[in-house]
Amino acid sequence: MGRRRFAAAGGSEATTACASPQSIDVHHHIAPRFFIEAVGPERLVNTYPGSRKAAYEWSPAMAIEDMDRGGTATAVTSLYAAHHLSELRDPSRVARLCNEYAARMRQDFPGRFGVFACLPMPDVEASLKEIEYALDVLKADGIYMVTSYGSQWLGDASFAPVFEELNRRKAVLYTHPVVPRFAVDLIADVPDTVIEINTDTTRAIASMLFGGTAGRSPDLDIIWSHGGGTLLPVIERFTRLAQRPQLAARLPRGILHELQRFYYDVAQVAHPVPMAALRKMVPLSQILFGTDFTFRTATEINEGLAQCGLTAQELRAIQRDNALRLLPQLKTVQVT
């Protein structure tokens, strides 16, 4: 994508206003104009409360402004509303354009952006080709998938070739939930995104665990959004279910081993109650900073983390050090 075309799609020059930004945001959405127009901005606004900013206002400059204000050095980007790719006339082409756009952002704003490349799922063959292009040509930092595609969650057997390839490459997989089709308008006056977004992450985790994909992918690092969604309240149920012989055989290292090696971002979990529960379940090393921009801001997440009783060392681990250990190739702004 040429610079003129990139600028027309929302690119612009920006400078770092914050003296010493340090956080690495692994949950940061981009909304290229050509993708939004292909899906339909009004459709997005009507479906997802709070999405007007993403649908009509997003630009790299807007992203950097929020990053600077909230002390974010680098944001690893993922496509907003990526599940709509499968509804487009040519999902593979649009996914490729979106990934090239993200790579161009990284090039045009050195040190400020990384790339989680989207896939034209549920097309497995096309997704395998995009994995190769994204990781080998674009040098993406990882791959991005949503938690479900229609009635298929990530642990679906038909997706096995994708996970075999990601595991072979020892890749990082970032995931983001969607509202499944059967869970629309269930409760009056309660947006679907309030409950179902988090619940779909839990469904995806269950499918990965009990379908055997997690156990077969020991070299794949997976990031779950929003602290794992509604996972924490069902841990007891999961551990009991994992005792069934058929399911235990699919988890040779045990269910807690898998749950504790996953990574979890703090977007919408920067609150004392869920943070305390998350820290009971996993080591601090598995918790990553994430904002869910444009739906939330870096400042809001930092303000929430400040209420969680974290030491300065623990806060730095979440905001920066854990992500650098997972994604050491990130070239971030130097901090003192």
C-alpha atoms as a PDB file:
ATOM      1  CA  MET A   1       0.000   0.000   0.000  1.00  0.00           C
ATOM      2  CA  GLY A   2       1.556   3.299  -1.094  1.00  0.00           C
ATOM      3  CA  ARG A   3       1.990   6.199   1.313  1.00  0.00           C
ATOM      4  CA  ARG A   4      -0.649   8.299  -0.473  1.00  0.00           C
ATOM      5  CA  ARG A   5      -3.170   5.462  -0.242  1.00  0.00           C
ATOM      6  CA  PHE A   6      -2.223   4.815   3.362  1.00  0.00           C
ATOM      7  CA  ALA A   7      -2.756   8.460   4.280  1.00  0.00           C
ATOM      8  CA  ALA A   8      -6.134   8.445   2.593  1.00  0.00           C
ATOM      9  CA  ALA A   9      -7.100   5.410   4.666  1.00  0.00           C
ATOM     10  CA  GLY A  10      -6.336   7.245   7.879  1.00  0.00           C
ATOM     11  CA  GLY A  11      -2.549   7.490   8.151  1.00  0.00           C
ATOM     12  CA  SER A  12      -0.884  10.675   9.320  1.00  0.00           C
ATOM     13  CA  GLU A  13       2.304  11.791  10.937  1.00  0.00           C
ATOM     14  CA  ALA A  14       2.426  12.060  14.705  1.00  0.00           C
ATOM     15  CA  THR A  15       5.051  12.658  17.317  1.00  0.00           C
ATOM     16  CA  THR A  16       5.471  11.284  20.796  1.00  0.00           C
ATOM     17  CA  ALA A  17       4.299  13.852  23.309  1.00  0.00           C
ATOM     18  CA  CYS A  18       4.802  11.739  26.431  1.00  0.00           C
ATOM     19  CA  ALA A  19       8.323  12.017  27.855  1.00  0.00           C
ATOM     20  CA  SER A  20       8.674   8.358  28.849  1.00  0.00           C
ATOM     21  CA  PRO A  21       5.850   6.094  27.697  1.00  0.00           C
ATOM     22  CA  GLN A  22       6.382   2.522  28.841  1.00  0.00           C
ATOM     23  CA  SER A  23       3.301   0.306  28.486  1.00  0.00           C
ATOM     24  CA  ILE A  24       2.898  -2.302  25.761  1.00  0.00           C
ATOM     25  CA  ASP A  25      -0.747  -2.631  24.771  1.00  0.00           C
ATOM     26  CA  VAL A  26      -1.627  -6.061  23.347  1.00  0.00           C
ATOM     27  CA  HIS A  27      -5.342  -5.280  22.927  1.00  0.00           C
ATOM     28  CA  HIS A  28      -5.527  -2.307  20.600  1.00  0.00           C
ATOM     29  CA  HIS A  29      -7.899  -2.181  17.638  1.00  0.00           C
ATOM     30  CA  ILE A  30      -7.404  -0.517  14.283  1.00  0.00           C
ATOM     31  CA  ALA A  31     -10.212   0.346  11.880  1.00  0.00           C
ATOM     32  CA  PRO A  32      -8.906   1.047   8.363  1.00  0.00           C
ATOM     33  CA  ARG A  33     -11.432   3.068   6.418  1.00  0.00           C
ATOM     34  CA  PHE A  34     -11.608   0.661   3.484  1.00  0.00           C
ATOM     35  CA  PHE A  35     -12.556  -2.171   5.854  1.00  0.00           C
ATOM     36  CA  ILE A  36     -15.185  -0.111   7.673  1.00  0.00           C
ATOM     37  CA  GLU A  37     -16.757   0.941   4.372  1.00  0.00           C
ATOM     38  CA  ALA A  38     -16.790  -2.665   3.152  1.00  0.00           C
ATOM     39  CA  VAL A  39     -18.654  -3.848   6.256  1.00  0.00           C
ATOM     40  CA  GLY A  40     -20.834  -0.752   6.622  1.00  0.00           C
ATOM     41  CA  PRO A  41     -20.242   1.797   9.399  1.00  0.00           C
ATOM     42  CA  GLU A  42     -23.896   2.185  10.385  1.00  0.00           C
ATOM     43  CA  ARG A  43     -24.229  -1.570  10.693  1.00  0.00           C
ATOM     44  CA  LEU A  44     -21.308  -1.616  13.104  1.00  0.00           C
ATOM     45  CA  VAL A  45     -22.680   1.276  15.140  1.00  0.00           C
ATOM     46  CA  ASN A  46     -26.117  -0.329  15.391  1.00  0.00           C
ATOM     47  CA  THR A  47     -24.673  -3.707  16.382  1.00  0.00           C
ATOM     48  CA  TYR A  48     -21.986  -2.667  18.843  1.00  0.00           C
ATOM     49  CA  PRO A  49     -22.756   0.068  21.378  1.00  0.00           C
ATOM     50  CA  GLY A  50     -19.896   2.496  21.714  1.00  0.00           C
ATOM     51  CA  SER A  51     -18.414   1.709  18.316  1.00  0.00           C
ATOM     52  CA  ARG A  52     -19.076   5.082  16.666  1.00  0.00           C
ATOM     53  CA  LYS A  53     -15.534   6.250  17.382  1.00  0.00           C
ATOM     54  CA  ALA A  54     -14.072   3.189  15.665  1.00  0.00           C
ATOM     55  CA  ALA A  55     -16.514   3.323  12.773  1.00  0.00           C
ATOM     56  CA  TYR A  56     -16.199   7.025  11.967  1.00  0.00           C
ATOM     57  CA  GLU A  57     -13.244   8.638  13.711  1.00  0.00           C
ATOM     58  CA  TRP A  58     -10.354   6.184  13.982  1.00  0.00           C
ATOM     59  CA  SER A  59      -6.938   7.069  12.571  1.00  0.00           C
ATOM     60  CA  PRO A  60      -3.330   6.245  13.491  1.00  0.00           C
ATOM     61  CA  ALA A  61      -2.989   9.790  14.829  1.00  0.00           C
ATOM     62  CA  MET A  62      -5.965   9.252  17.142  1.00  0.00           C
ATOM     63  CA  ALA A  63      -4.403   6.026  18.389  1.00  0.00           C
ATOM     64  CA  ILE A  64      -1.045   7.664  19.087  1.00  0.00           C
ATOM     65  CA  GLU A  65      -2.725  10.559  20.865  1.00  0.00           C
ATOM     66  CA  ASP A  66      -4.388   8.134  23.282  1.00  0.00           C
ATOM     67  CA  MET A  67      -1.164   6.165  23.678  1.00  0.00           C
ATOM     68  CA  ASP A  68       0.809   9.285  24.529  1.00  0.00           C
ATOM     69  CA  ARG A  69      -1.820  10.484  26.963  1.00  0.00           C
ATOM     70  CA  GLY A  70      -1.895   7.116  28.737  1.00  0.00           C
ATOM     71  CA  GLY A  71       1.820   6.319  28.673  1.00  0.00           C
ATOM     72  CA  THR A  72       1.714   3.542  26.067  1.00  0.00           C
ATOM     73  CA  ALA A  73       4.975   3.036  24.220  1.00  0.00           C
ATOM     74  CA  THR A  74       3.831   0.388  21.753  1.00  0.00           C
ATOM     75  CA  ALA A  75       0.441  -0.996  20.751  1.00  0.00           C
ATOM     76  CA  VAL A  76       0.211  -4.366  19.030  1.00  0.00           C
ATOM     77  CA  THR A  77      -2.730  -3.856  16.718  1.00  0.00           C
ATOM     78  CA  SER A  78      -5.629  -6.117  15.813  1.00  0.00           C
ATOM     79  CA  LEU A  79      -8.425  -5.480  13.342  1.00  0.00           C
ATOM     80  CA  TYR A  80     -11.656  -4.154  14.795  1.00  0.00           C
ATOM     81  CA  ALA A  81     -14.684  -6.416  14.108  1.00  0.00           C
ATOM     82  CA  ALA A  82     -12.561  -8.941  12.218  1.00  0.00           C
ATOM     83  CA  HIS A  83     -15.305 -11.566  12.279  1.00  0.00           C
ATOM     84  CA  HIS A  84     -17.055  -9.596   9.540  1.00  0.00           C
ATOM     85  CA  LEU A  85     -14.288 -10.563   7.112  1.00  0.00           C
ATOM     86  CA  SER A  86     -16.047 -13.844   6.349  1.00  0.00           C
ATOM     87  CA  GLU A  87     -19.144 -11.944   5.184  1.00  0.00           C
ATOM     88  CA  LEU A  88     -17.288  -9.981   2.512  1.00  0.00           C
ATOM     89  CA  ARG A  89     -17.015 -10.930  -1.144  1.00  0.00           C
ATOM     90  CA  ASP A  90     -13.284 -11.667  -0.977  1.00  0.00           C
ATOM     91  CA  PRO A  91     -12.227 -12.235   2.656  1.00  0.00           C
ATOM     92  CA  SER A  92      -8.689 -13.301   1.759  1.00  0.00           C
ATOM     93  CA  ARG A  93      -7.997 -10.129  -0.199  1.00  0.00           C
ATOM     94  CA  VAL A  94      -9.414  -7.848   2.481  1.00  0.00           C
ATOM     95  CA  ALA A  95      -7.519  -9.663   5.245  1.00  0.00           C
ATOM     96  CA  ARG A  96      -4.322  -9.223   3.224  1.00  0.00           C
ATOM     97  CA  LEU A  97      -4.999  -5.507   2.760  1.00  0.00           C
ATOM     98  CA  CYS A  98      -5.703  -5.073   6.471  1.00  0.00           C
ATOM     99  CA  ASN A  99      -2.493  -6.851   7.434  1.00  0.00           C
ATOM    100  CA  GLU A 100      -0.451  -4.811   4.981  1.00  0.00           C
ATOM    101  CA  TYR A 101      -2.055  -1.673   6.372  1.00  0.00           C
ATOM    102  CA  ALA A 102      -1.046  -2.662   9.904  1.00  0.00           C
ATOM    103  CA  ALA A 103       2.487  -3.431   8.744  1.00  0.00           C
ATOM    104  CA  ARG A 104       2.666  -0.019   7.072  1.00  0.00           C
ATOM    105  CA  MET A 105       1.598   1.628  10.330  1.00  0.00           C
ATOM    106  CA  ARG A 106       4.473  -0.120  12.064  1.00  0.00           C
ATOM    107  CA  GLN A 107       6.849   1.150   9.380  1.00  0.00           C
ATOM    108  CA  ASP A 108       5.555   4.723   9.367  1.00  0.00           C
ATOM    109  CA  PHE A 109       5.591   5.110  13.156  1.00  0.00           C
ATOM    110  CA  PRO A 110       8.727   3.244  14.285  1.00  0.00           C
ATOM    111  CA  GLY A 111       8.482   1.756  17.747  1.00  0.00           C
ATOM    112  CA  ARG A 112       4.824   2.647  18.211  1.00  0.00           C
ATOM    113  CA  PHE A 113       3.012  -0.312  16.674  1.00  0.00           C
ATOM    114  CA  GLY A 114       3.239  -4.064  16.392  1.00  0.00           C
ATOM    115  CA  VAL A 115       1.027  -6.377  14.341  1.00  0.00           C
ATOM    116  CA  PHE A 116      -1.311  -9.230  15.171  1.00  0.00           C
ATOM    117  CA  ALA A 117      -2.320 -10.351  11.679  1.00  0.00           C
ATOM    118  CA  CYS A 118      -5.936 -11.310  10.990  1.00  0.00           C
ATOM    119  CA  LEU A 119      -6.976 -14.418   9.064  1.00  0.00           C
ATOM    120  CA  PRO A 120      -9.780 -15.113   6.550  1.00  0.00           C
ATOM    121  CA  MET A 121     -11.276 -17.747   8.833  1.00  0.00           C
ATOM    122  CA  PRO A 122     -13.124 -20.092   8.744  1.00  0.00           C
ATOM    123  CA  ASP A 123     -11.419 -20.763   5.398  1.00  0.00           C
ATOM    124  CA  VAL A 124      -8.585 -22.970   6.638  1.00  0.00           C
ATOM    125  CA  GLU A 125      -6.569 -23.177   3.418  1.00  0.00           C
ATOM    126  CA  ALA A 126      -6.696 -19.423   2.849  1.00  0.00           C
ATOM    127  CA  SER A 127      -5.778 -18.846   6.491  1.00  0.00           C
ATOM    128  CA  LEU A 128      -2.724 -21.088   6.208  1.00  0.00           C
ATOM    129  CA  LYS A 129      -1.556 -19.002   3.255  1.00  0.00           C
ATOM    130  CA  GLU A 130      -2.112 -15.788   5.200  1.00  0.00           C
ATOM    131  CA  ILE A 131      -0.188 -17.147   8.198  1.00  0.00           C
ATOM    132  CA  GLU A 132       2.775 -17.780   5.906  1.00  0.00           C
ATOM    133  CA  TYR A 133       2.587 -14.321   4.350  1.00  0.00           C
ATOM    134  CA  ALA A 134       1.982 -12.507   7.623  1.00  0.00           C
ATOM    135  CA  LEU A 135       4.775 -14.178   9.574  1.00  0.00           C
ATOM    136  CA  ASP A 136       7.362 -14.667   6.822  1.00  0.00           C
ATOM    137  CA  VAL A 137       6.862 -11.573   4.655  1.00  0.00           C
ATOM    138  CA  LEU A 138       5.249  -8.975   6.899  1.00  0.00           C
ATOM    139  CA  LYS A 139       7.085 -10.246  10.009  1.00  0.00           C
ATOM    140  CA  ALA A 140       3.931  -9.889  12.086  1.00  0.00           C
ATOM    141  CA  ASP A 141       4.349 -10.264  15.837  1.00  0.00           C
ATOM    142  CA  GLY A 142       1.592 -12.841  15.991  1.00  0.00           C
ATOM    143  CA  ILE A 143      -1.716 -14.007  14.588  1.00  0.00           C
ATOM    144  CA  TYR A 144      -5.193 -12.827  15.531  1.00  0.00           C
ATOM    145  CA  MET A 145      -8.385 -14.896  15.588  1.00  0.00           C
ATOM    146  CA  VAL A 146     -11.821 -14.297  17.040  1.00  0.00           C
ATOM    147  CA  THR A 147     -13.284 -16.759  19.518  1.00  0.00           C
ATOM    148  CA  SER A 148     -15.920 -18.193  17.197  1.00  0.00           C
ATOM    149  CA  TYR A 149     -16.875 -18.292  13.543  1.00  0.00           C
ATOM    150  CA  GLY A 150     -20.582 -18.981  13.225  1.00  0.00           C
ATOM    151  CA  SER A 151     -21.169 -22.168  15.218  1.00  0.00           C
ATOM    152  CA  GLN A 152     -17.477 -23.137  15.328  1.00  0.00           C
ATOM    153  CA  TRP A 153     -15.284 -22.202  18.279  1.00  0.00           C
ATOM    154  CA  LEU A 154     -11.506 -22.173  18.155  1.00  0.00           C
ATOM    155  CA  GLY A 155     -11.160 -25.781  19.312  1.00  0.00           C
ATOM    156  CA  ASP A 156     -13.293 -27.074  16.436  1.00  0.00           C
ATOM    157  CA  ALA A 157     -11.671 -30.112  14.815  1.00  0.00           C
ATOM    158  CA  SER A 158     -11.826 -28.511  11.365  1.00  0.00           C
ATOM    159  CA  PHE A 159      -9.452 -25.774  12.542  1.00  0.00           C
ATOM    160  CA  ALA A 160      -6.751 -28.272  13.543  1.00  0.00           C
ATOM    161  CA  PRO A 161      -4.447 -27.526  10.553  1.00  0.00           C
ATOM    162  CA  VAL A 162      -4.301 -23.856  11.545  1.00  0.00           C
ATOM    163  CA  PHE A 163      -3.310 -24.675  15.111  1.00  0.00           C
ATOM    164  CA  GLU A 164      -0.817 -27.302  13.987  1.00  0.00           C
ATOM    165  CA  GLU A 165       0.906 -24.667  11.868  1.00  0.00           C
ATOM    166  CA  LEU A 166       0.858 -22.035  14.598  1.00  0.00           C
ATOM    167  CA  ASN A 167       2.252 -24.537  17.087  1.00  0.00           C
ATOM    168  CA  ARG A 168       4.949 -25.601  14.606  1.00  0.00           C
ATOM    169  CA  ARG A 169       5.986 -21.986  14.255  1.00  0.00           C
ATOM    170  CA  LYS A 170       5.884 -21.413  18.036  1.00  0.00           C
ATOM    171  CA  ALA A 171       3.694 -18.426  17.294  1.00  0.00           C
ATOM    172  CA  VAL A 172       1.757 -16.037  19.492  1.00  0.00           C
ATOM    173  CA  LEU A 173      -2.018 -16.114  18.995  1.00  0.00           C
ATOM    174  CA  TYR A 174      -4.093 -13.173  20.168  1.00  0.00           C
ATOM    175  CA  THR A 175      -7.830 -13.816  20.498  1.00  0.00           C
ATOM    176  CA  HIS A 176     -10.829 -11.533  20.769  1.00  0.00           C
ATOM    177  CA  PRO A 177     -14.438 -12.463  21.497  1.00  0.00           C
ATOM    178  CA  VAL A 178     -17.540 -11.872  19.427  1.00  0.00           C
ATOM    179  CA  VAL A 179     -21.262 -12.085  20.109  1.00  0.00           C
ATOM    180  CA  PRO A 180     -22.452 -15.391  18.595  1.00  0.00           C
ATOM    181  CA  ARG A 181     -25.510 -15.302  16.402  1.00  0.00           C
ATOM    182  CA  PHE A 182     -27.695 -17.259  18.810  1.00  0.00           C
ATOM    183  CA  ALA A 183     -27.051 -14.803  21.666  1.00  0.00           C
ATOM    184  CA  VAL A 184     -28.494 -11.608  20.205  1.00  0.00           C
ATOM    185  CA  ASP A 185     -31.046  -9.472  22.082  1.00  0.00           C
ATOM    186  CA  LEU A 186     -31.488 -11.932  24.936  1.00  0.00           C
ATOM    187  CA  ILE A 187     -32.096  -9.422  27.750  1.00  0.00           C
ATOM    188  CA  ALA A 188     -33.995  -6.172  27.331  1.00  0.00           C
ATOM    189  CA  ASP A 189     -31.898  -3.025  27.817  1.00  0.00           C
ATOM    190  CA  VAL A 190     -28.685  -5.031  28.300  1.00  0.00           C
ATOM    191  CA  PRO A 191     -26.401  -4.832  25.243  1.00  0.00           C
ATOM    192  CA  ASP A 192     -25.187  -8.213  24.011  1.00  0.00           C
ATOM    193  CA  THR A 193     -21.607  -7.056  24.436  1.00  0.00           C
ATOM    194  CA  VAL A 194     -21.996  -6.686  28.206  1.00  0.00           C
ATOM    195  CA  ILE A 195     -22.391 -10.419  28.834  1.00  0.00           C
ATOM    196  CA  GLU A 196     -21.927 -12.396  25.633  1.00  0.00           C
ATOM    197  CA  ILE A 197     -18.553 -10.951  24.664  1.00  0.00           C
ATOM    198  CA  ASN A 198     -17.018 -12.328  27.843  1.00  0.00           C
ATOM    199  CA  THR A 199     -18.948 -15.585  27.689  1.00  0.00           C
ATOM    200  CA  ASP A 200     -17.767 -16.342  24.162  1.00  0.00           C
ATOM    201  CA  THR A 201     -14.170 -16.198  25.330  1.00  0.00           C
ATOM    202  CA  THR A 202     -15.027 -18.835  27.927  1.00  0.00           C
ATOM    203  CA  ARG A 203     -16.680 -21.011  25.278  1.00  0.00           C
ATOM    204  CA  ALA A 204     -13.551 -20.756  23.150  1.00  0.00           C
ATOM    205  CA  ILE A 205     -11.316 -21.679  26.078  1.00  0.00           C
ATOM    206  CA  ALA A 206     -13.538 -24.681  26.831  1.00  0.00           C
ATOM    207  CA  SER A 207     -13.366 -25.823  23.213  1.00  0.00           C
ATOM    208  CA  MET A 208      -9.584 -25.491  23.173  1.00  0.00           C
ATOM    209  CA  LEU A 209      -9.175 -27.395  26.438  1.00  0.00           C
ATOM    210  CA  PHE A 210     -11.721 -30.168  26.126  1.00  0.00           C
ATOM    211  CA  GLY A 211     -11.381 -30.565  22.370  1.00  0.00           C
ATOM    212  CA  GLY A 212      -7.682 -31.263  22.844  1.00  0.00           C
ATOM    213  CA  THR A 213      -6.257 -28.372  20.819  1.00  0.00           C
ATOM    214  CA  ALA A 214      -4.543 -26.774  23.814  1.00  0.00           C
ATOM    215  CA  GLY A 215      -2.960 -30.066  24.831  1.00  0.00           C
ATOM    216  CA  ARG A 216      -1.674 -30.618  21.286  1.00  0.00           C
ATOM    217  CA  SER A 217      -0.213 -27.100  21.059  1.00  0.00           C
ATOM    218  CA  PRO A 218       2.421 -26.827  23.799  1.00  0.00           C
ATOM    219  CA  ASP A 219       4.532 -24.381  21.777  1.00  0.00           C
ATOM    220  CA  LEU A 220       1.703 -21.976  20.966  1.00  0.00           C
ATOM    221  CA  ASP A 221       1.299 -18.952  23.239  1.00  0.00           C
ATOM    222  CA  ILE A 222      -2.316 -17.790  23.452  1.00  0.00           C
ATOM    223  CA  ILE A 223      -3.589 -14.440  24.735  1.00  0.00           C
ATOM    224  CA  TRP A 224      -7.196 -14.292  25.923  1.00  0.00           C
ATOM    225  CA  SER A 225      -8.887 -10.894  26.050  1.00  0.00           C
ATOM    226  CA  HIS A 226     -10.638  -9.387  29.059  1.00  0.00           C
ATOM    227  CA  GLY A 227      -8.912 -11.581  31.623  1.00  0.00           C
ATOM    228  CA  GLY A 228     -10.381 -14.728  30.098  1.00  0.00           C
ATOM    229  CA  GLY A 229     -13.955 -13.463  30.013  1.00  0.00           C
ATOM    230  CA  THR A 230     -16.207 -15.407  32.386  1.00  0.00           C
ATOM    231  CA  LEU A 231     -13.617 -18.131  32.916  1.00  0.00           C
ATOM    232  CA  LEU A 232     -12.857 -17.389  36.554  1.00  0.00           C
ATOM    233  CA  PRO A 233     -16.303 -18.218  38.005  1.00  0.00           C
ATOM    234  CA  VAL A 234     -16.372 -21.596  36.207  1.00  0.00           C
ATOM    235  CA  ILE A 235     -12.887 -22.815  37.155  1.00  0.00           C
ATOM    236  CA  GLU A 236     -14.339 -25.307  39.634  1.00  0.00           C
ATOM    237  CA  ARG A 237     -16.650 -26.719  36.974  1.00  0.00           C
ATOM    238  CA  PHE A 238     -13.808 -26.953  34.465  1.00  0.00           C
ATOM    239  CA  THR A 239     -11.486 -28.765  36.857  1.00  0.00           C
ATOM    240  CA  ARG A 240     -14.195 -31.288  37.746  1.00  0.00           C
ATOM    241  CA  LEU A 241     -15.075 -31.841  34.097  1.00  0.00           C
ATOM    242  CA  ALA A 242     -11.405 -32.450  33.319  1.00  0.00           C
ATOM    243  CA  GLN A 243     -11.449 -35.459  35.651  1.00  0.00           C
ATOM    244  CA  ARG A 244     -13.533 -37.471  33.196  1.00  0.00           C
ATOM    245  CA  PRO A 245     -11.167 -40.051  31.665  1.00  0.00           C
ATOM    246  CA  GLN A 246     -11.961 -39.170  28.051  1.00  0.00           C
ATOM    247  CA  LEU A 247     -11.286 -35.481  28.644  1.00  0.00           C
ATOM    248  CA  ALA A 248      -8.328 -36.003  30.958  1.00  0.00           C
ATOM    249  CA  ALA A 249      -6.614 -37.859  28.111  1.00  0.00           C
ATOM    250  CA  ARG A 250      -6.807 -34.681  26.029  1.00  0.00           C
ATOM    251  CA  LEU A 251      -5.084 -32.696  28.770  1.00  0.00           C
ATOM    252  CA  PRO A 252      -1.949 -34.760  29.437  1.00  0.00           C
ATOM    253  CA  ARG A 253      -0.325 -31.980  31.459  1.00  0.00           C
ATOM    254  CA  GLY A 254      -3.526 -31.220  33.362  1.00  0.00           C
ATOM    255  CA  ILE A 255      -6.095 -28.475  32.998  1.00  0.00           C
ATOM    256  CA  LEU A 256      -4.431 -26.103  35.457  1.00  0.00           C
ATOM    257  CA  HIS A 257      -1.176 -26.368  33.527  1.00  0.00           C
ATOM    258  CA  GLU A 258      -2.942 -25.163  30.391  1.00  0.00           C
ATOM    259  CA  LEU A 259      -4.895 -22.422  32.134  1.00  0.00           C
ATOM    260  CA  GLN A 260      -1.764 -21.138  33.842  1.00  0.00           C
ATOM    261  CA  ARG A 261       0.346 -21.039  30.702  1.00  0.00           C
ATOM    262  CA  PHE A 262      -2.227 -18.997  28.778  1.00  0.00           C
ATOM    263  CA  TYR A 263      -1.868 -15.209  28.802  1.00  0.00           C
ATOM    264  CA  TYR A 264      -4.676 -12.846  29.804  1.00  0.00           C
ATOM    265  CA  ASP A 265      -4.983  -9.122  29.097  1.00  0.00           C
ATOM    266  CA  VAL A 266      -6.444  -6.649  31.579  1.00  0.00           C
ATOM    267  CA  ALA A 267      -8.826  -4.788  29.264  1.00  0.00           C
ATOM    268  CA  GLN A 268     -12.071  -4.366  31.205  1.00  0.00           C
ATOM    269  CA  VAL A 269     -10.532  -6.321  34.111  1.00  0.00           C
ATOM    270  CA  ALA A 270      -8.586  -3.417  35.628  1.00  0.00           C
ATOM    271  CA  HIS A 271     -10.675  -3.578  38.794  1.00  0.00           C
ATOM    272  CA  PRO A 272      -9.776  -4.924  42.250  1.00  0.00           C
ATOM    273  CA  VAL A 273     -12.292  -7.802  42.232  1.00  0.00           C
ATOM    274  CA  PRO A 274     -11.515  -9.554  38.910  1.00  0.00           C
ATOM    275  CA  MET A 275      -7.819  -8.718  39.231  1.00  0.00           C
ATOM    276  CA  ALA A 276      -7.633 -10.471  42.599  1.00  0.00           C
ATOM    277  CA  ALA A 277      -9.361 -13.531  41.137  1.00  0.00           C
ATOM    278  CA  LEU A 278      -7.121 -13.563  38.060  1.00  0.00           C
ATOM    279  CA  ARG A 279      -3.996 -13.411  40.211  1.00  0.00           C
ATOM    280  CA  LYS A 280      -5.297 -16.342  42.246  1.00  0.00           C
ATOM    281  CA  MET A 281      -5.518 -18.402  39.059  1.00  0.00           C
ATOM    282  CA  VAL A 282      -2.351 -17.477  37.166  1.00  0.00           C
ATOM    283  CA  PRO A 283       1.154 -16.211  37.906  1.00  0.00           C
ATOM    284  CA  LEU A 284       1.707 -12.490  37.470  1.00  0.00           C
ATOM    285  CA  SER A 285       3.908 -13.335  34.472  1.00  0.00           C
ATOM    286  CA  GLN A 286       0.815 -14.303  32.440  1.00  0.00           C
ATOM    287  CA  ILE A 287      -1.027 -10.989  32.812  1.00  0.00           C
ATOM    288  CA  LEU A 288      -0.621  -8.415  30.027  1.00  0.00           C
ATOM    289  CA  PHE A 289      -1.592  -4.783  29.589  1.00  0.00           C
ATOM    290  CA  GLY A 290      -4.463  -4.228  27.168  1.00  0.00           C
ATOM    291  CA  THR A 291      -6.824  -1.313  26.628  1.00  0.00           C
ATOM    292  CA  ASP A 292      -9.477  -2.382  24.089  1.00  0.00           C
ATOM    293  CA  PHE A 293      -8.959   0.960  22.337  1.00  0.00           C
ATOM    294  CA  THR A 294     -11.102   2.602  20.931  1.00  0.00           C
ATOM    295  CA  PHE A 295     -13.732   1.296  23.340  1.00  0.00           C
ATOM    296  CA  ARG A 296     -11.578   2.151  26.330  1.00  0.00           C
ATOM    297  CA  THR A 297      -8.586   4.429  26.778  1.00  0.00           C
ATOM    298  CA  ALA A 298      -5.120   3.746  28.124  1.00  0.00           C
ATOM    299  CA  THR A 299      -5.725   6.308  30.859  1.00  0.00           C
ATOM    300  CA  GLU A 300      -8.861   4.491  32.036  1.00  0.00           C
ATOM    301  CA  ILE A 301      -7.056   1.152  32.239  1.00  0.00           C
ATOM    302  CA  ASN A 302      -4.145   2.671  34.137  1.00  0.00           C
ATOM    303  CA  GLU A 303      -6.526   4.334  36.574  1.00  0.00           C
ATOM    304  CA  GLY A 304      -8.172   0.974  37.165  1.00  0.00           C
ATOM    305  CA  LEU A 305      -4.861  -0.794  37.704  1.00  0.00           C
ATOM    306  CA  ALA A 306      -3.912   1.855  40.258  1.00  0.00           C
ATOM    307  CA  GLN A 307      -6.822   0.640  42.400  1.00  0.00           C
ATOM    308  CA  CYS A 308      -5.719  -3.003  42.343  1.00  0.00           C
ATOM    309  CA  GLY A 309      -3.108  -2.867  45.105  1.00  0.00           C
ATOM    310  CA  LEU A 310      -0.178  -3.670  42.830  1.00  0.00           C
ATOM    311  CA  THR A 311       3.389  -2.824  43.767  1.00  0.00           C
ATOM    312  CA  ALA A 312       5.441  -0.724  41.370  1.00  0.00           C
ATOM    313  CA  GLN A 313       7.309  -3.855  40.278  1.00  0.00           C
ATOM    314  CA  GLU A 314       4.085  -5.793  39.699  1.00  0.00           C
ATOM    315  CA  LEU A 315       2.581  -2.911  37.756  1.00  0.00           C
ATOM    316  CA  ARG A 316       5.624  -2.664  35.504  1.00  0.00           C
ATOM    317  CA  ALA A 317       5.470  -6.412  34.874  1.00  0.00           C
ATOM    318  CA  ILE A 318       1.869  -6.129  33.686  1.00  0.00           C
ATOM    319  CA  GLN A 319       2.338  -2.925  31.737  1.00  0.00           C
ATOM    320  CA  ARG A 320       5.574  -3.849  30.013  1.00  0.00           C
ATOM    321  CA  ASP A 321       7.934  -6.606  31.104  1.00  0.00           C
ATOM    322  CA  ASN A 322       5.617  -9.576  30.575  1.00  0.00           C
ATOM    323  CA  ALA A 323       4.844  -8.471  27.018  1.00  0.00           C
ATOM    324  CA  LEU A 324       8.515  -7.946  26.203  1.00  0.00           C
ATOM    325  CA  ARG A 325       9.286 -11.462  27.362  1.00  0.00           C
ATOM    326  CA  LEU A 326       6.494 -12.829  25.145  1.00  0.00           C
ATOM    327  CA  LEU A 327       7.237 -10.505  22.209  1.00  0.00           C
ATOM    328  CA  PRO A 328      10.953  -9.660  22.527  1.00  0.00           C
ATOM    329  CA  GLN A 329      11.116  -8.424  18.934  1.00  0.00           C
ATOM    330  CA  LEU A 330       9.119  -5.322  19.770  1.00  0.00           C
ATOM    331  CA  LYS A 331      11.171  -2.184  19.298  1.00  0.00           C
ATOM    332  CA  THR A 332       9.633   0.032  21.936  1.00  0.00           C
ATOM    333  CA  VAL A 333      10.359   3.554  23.054  1.00  0.00           C
ATOM    334  CA  GLN A 334      13.156   3.518  25.607  1.00  0.00           C
ATOM    335  CA  VAL A 335      12.193   4.120  29.225  1.00  0.00           C
ATOM    336  CA  THR A 336      14.241   5.216  32.181  1.00  0.00           C
END
